[in-house]
Amino acid sequence: MSYIIETGGKQYIVSSGEKLKIEKIKTAPDGKVSFDKILLSWDGEKVEIGNPYLPDVSVKGEVLKEGREKKKIIFKYHSKTRLRKKKGHRQEFAEVLIS
């Protein structure tokens, strides 16, 4: 069974036993997480489409680790005005195992 879930303003295609790297989410102390916003599910020939979400369907997962991505450099430059701005950003993430 495969699903399209929505979390953090993004959509992901997931199936059982798959690792997923998503933006950091608030988790319970035991590391379990549940995704309730299911947009679509399919299994071979059977397809269910939500309007906008499927009722009474949820995907469960387990947080394996939390961390931060590599630094991304943001550099703004305007010629002739001597404007140069350099900034870095490290996005927090959570690696989730779908069960």
C-alpha atoms as a PDB file:
ATOM      1  CA  MET A   1       0.000   0.000   0.000  1.00  0.00           C
ATOM      2  CA  SER A   2       1.358   3.425  -0.926  1.00  0.00           C
ATOM      3  CA  TYR A   3       0.210   6.839   0.198  1.00  0.00           C
ATOM      4  CA  ILE A   4       0.694  10.504  -0.585  1.00  0.00           C
ATOM      5  CA  ILE A   5       0.929  12.413   2.703  1.00  0.00           C
ATOM      6  CA  GLU A   6       1.162  16.107   3.457  1.00  0.00           C
ATOM      7  CA  THR A   7       3.401  17.432   6.229  1.00  0.00           C
ATOM      8  CA  GLY A   8       5.202  20.703   6.691  1.00  0.00           C
ATOM      9  CA  GLY A   9       3.526  22.198   3.616  1.00  0.00           C
ATOM     10  CA  LYS A  10       5.050  19.529   1.360  1.00  0.00           C
ATOM     11  CA  GLN A  11       3.766  16.290  -0.121  1.00  0.00           C
ATOM     12  CA  TYR A  12       5.599  12.946  -0.008  1.00  0.00           C
ATOM     13  CA  ILE A  13       4.989   9.535  -1.596  1.00  0.00           C
ATOM     14  CA  VAL A  14       5.508   6.881   1.099  1.00  0.00           C
ATOM     15  CA  SER A  15       5.116   3.141   1.519  1.00  0.00           C
ATOM     16  CA  SER A  16       5.810   0.693   4.325  1.00  0.00           C
ATOM     17  CA  GLY A  17       9.451   0.178   5.364  1.00  0.00           C
ATOM     18  CA  GLU A  18      10.668   3.351   3.658  1.00  0.00           C
ATOM     19  CA  LYS A  19      12.938   5.994   5.229  1.00  0.00           C
ATOM     20  CA  LEU A  20      11.854   9.585   4.765  1.00  0.00           C
ATOM     21  CA  LYS A  21      13.768  12.780   5.499  1.00  0.00           C
ATOM     22  CA  ILE A  22      11.323  15.564   6.336  1.00  0.00           C
ATOM     23  CA  GLU A  23      11.522  18.970   7.936  1.00  0.00           C
ATOM     24  CA  LYS A  24      11.602  18.807  11.721  1.00  0.00           C
ATOM     25  CA  ILE A  25       8.278  17.963  13.321  1.00  0.00           C
ATOM     26  CA  LYS A  26       7.191  17.860  16.932  1.00  0.00           C
ATOM     27  CA  THR A  27       7.336  14.270  18.161  1.00  0.00           C
ATOM     28  CA  ALA A  28       6.326  12.414  21.287  1.00  0.00           C
ATOM     29  CA  PRO A  29       9.099  11.376  23.720  1.00  0.00           C
ATOM     30  CA  ASP A  30       8.858   7.752  22.511  1.00  0.00           C
ATOM     31  CA  GLY A  31       9.651   8.795  18.929  1.00  0.00           C
ATOM     32  CA  LYS A  32       6.337   7.740  17.367  1.00  0.00           C
ATOM     33  CA  VAL A  33       4.664  10.000  14.831  1.00  0.00           C
ATOM     34  CA  SER A  34       1.345   9.799  13.001  1.00  0.00           C
ATOM     35  CA  PHE A  35       0.444  11.516   9.729  1.00  0.00           C
ATOM     36  CA  ASP A  36      -3.288  12.238   9.396  1.00  0.00           C
ATOM     37  CA  LYS A  37      -3.298  14.318   6.209  1.00  0.00           C
ATOM     38  CA  ILE A  38      -3.510  11.543   3.594  1.00  0.00           C
ATOM     39  CA  LEU A  39      -4.273  12.852   0.098  1.00  0.00           C
ATOM     40  CA  LEU A  40      -4.284   9.597  -1.872  1.00  0.00           C
ATOM     41  CA  SER A  41      -3.774   5.874  -1.342  1.00  0.00           C
ATOM     42  CA  TRP A  42      -3.346   3.056  -3.842  1.00  0.00           C
ATOM     43  CA  ASP A  43      -2.696  -0.656  -3.888  1.00  0.00           C
ATOM     44  CA  GLY A  44      -2.386  -2.136  -7.357  1.00  0.00           C
ATOM     45  CA  GLU A  45      -5.693  -1.378  -9.082  1.00  0.00           C
ATOM     46  CA  LYS A  46      -7.545   0.154  -6.096  1.00  0.00           C
ATOM     47  CA  VAL A  47      -7.139   3.952  -5.766  1.00  0.00           C
ATOM     48  CA  GLU A  48      -8.734   6.195  -3.114  1.00  0.00           C
ATOM     49  CA  ILE A  49      -8.656   9.974  -3.541  1.00  0.00           C
ATOM     50  CA  GLY A  50      -9.379  12.332  -0.657  1.00  0.00           C
ATOM     51  CA  ASN A  51     -11.435  15.496  -0.784  1.00  0.00           C
ATOM     52  CA  PRO A  52      -9.040  17.066   0.351  1.00  0.00           C
ATOM     53  CA  TYR A  53      -7.995  14.303   2.808  1.00  0.00           C
ATOM     54  CA  LEU A  54      -9.045  10.687   3.350  1.00  0.00           C
ATOM     55  CA  PRO A  55     -11.160  10.245   6.507  1.00  0.00           C
ATOM     56  CA  ASP A  56     -10.168   7.672   9.156  1.00  0.00           C
ATOM     57  CA  VAL A  57      -6.795   6.914   7.509  1.00  0.00           C
ATOM     58  CA  SER A  58      -3.411   7.575   9.082  1.00  0.00           C
ATOM     59  CA  VAL A  59       0.193   6.584   8.411  1.00  0.00           C
ATOM     60  CA  LYS A  60       2.382   5.770  11.396  1.00  0.00           C
ATOM     61  CA  GLY A  61       6.130   6.114  11.638  1.00  0.00           C
ATOM     62  CA  GLU A  62       9.070   6.093  14.017  1.00  0.00           C
ATOM     63  CA  VAL A  63      11.658   8.867  14.260  1.00  0.00           C
ATOM     64  CA  LEU A  64      15.137   7.388  13.763  1.00  0.00           C
ATOM     65  CA  LYS A  65      17.161  10.559  14.210  1.00  0.00           C
ATOM     66  CA  GLU A  66      16.935  14.328  14.238  1.00  0.00           C
ATOM     67  CA  GLY A  67      19.595  16.678  12.984  1.00  0.00           C
ATOM     68  CA  ARG A  68      20.506  19.595  10.759  1.00  0.00           C
ATOM     69  CA  GLU A  69      21.348  19.674   7.064  1.00  0.00           C
ATOM     70  CA  LYS A  70      24.583  21.009   5.589  1.00  0.00           C
ATOM     71  CA  LYS A  71      24.832  24.779   5.512  1.00  0.00           C
ATOM     72  CA  LYS A  72      23.342  26.500   2.483  1.00  0.00           C
ATOM     73  CA  ILE A  73      24.856  29.861   1.569  1.00  0.00           C
ATOM     74  CA  ILE A  74      22.576  32.743   0.584  1.00  0.00           C
ATOM     75  CA  PHE A  75      24.514  35.527  -1.154  1.00  0.00           C
ATOM     76  CA  LYS A  76      22.838  38.716  -2.386  1.00  0.00           C
ATOM     77  CA  TYR A  77      24.798  40.973  -4.719  1.00  0.00           C
ATOM     78  CA  HIS A  78      23.836  44.184  -6.491  1.00  0.00           C
ATOM     79  CA  SER A  79      26.397  45.639  -8.825  1.00  0.00           C
ATOM     80  CA  LYS A  80      27.257  49.347  -8.690  1.00  0.00           C
ATOM     81  CA  THR A  81      25.608  49.832  -5.274  1.00  0.00           C
ATOM     82  CA  ARG A  82      28.202  47.915  -3.237  1.00  0.00           C
ATOM     83  CA  LEU A  83      25.497  45.684  -1.764  1.00  0.00           C
ATOM     84  CA  ARG A  84      26.838  42.306  -0.690  1.00  0.00           C
ATOM     85  CA  LYS A  85      25.055  40.187   1.908  1.00  0.00           C
ATOM     86  CA  LYS A  86      26.178  36.696   2.884  1.00  0.00           C
ATOM     87  CA  LYS A  87      24.027  34.512   5.079  1.00  0.00           C
ATOM     88  CA  GLY A  88      23.930  30.809   5.929  1.00  0.00           C
ATOM     89  CA  HIS A  89      21.050  28.498   6.846  1.00  0.00           C
ATOM     90  CA  ARG A  90      20.908  24.970   8.265  1.00  0.00           C
ATOM     91  CA  GLN A  91      17.468  23.350   8.043  1.00  0.00           C
ATOM     92  CA  GLU A  92      16.458  20.994  10.847  1.00  0.00           C
ATOM     93  CA  PHE A  93      15.157  17.573   9.777  1.00  0.00           C
ATOM     94  CA  ALA A  94      13.792  14.344  11.168  1.00  0.00           C
ATOM     95  CA  GLU A  95      14.446  10.949   9.563  1.00  0.00           C
ATOM     96  CA  VAL A  96      11.289   8.816   9.821  1.00  0.00           C
ATOM     97  CA  LEU A  97      10.824   5.091   9.178  1.00  0.00           C
ATOM     98  CA  ILE A  98       7.311   4.445   7.842  1.00  0.00           C
ATOM     99  CA  SER A  99       5.636   1.405   9.390  1.00  0.00           C
END
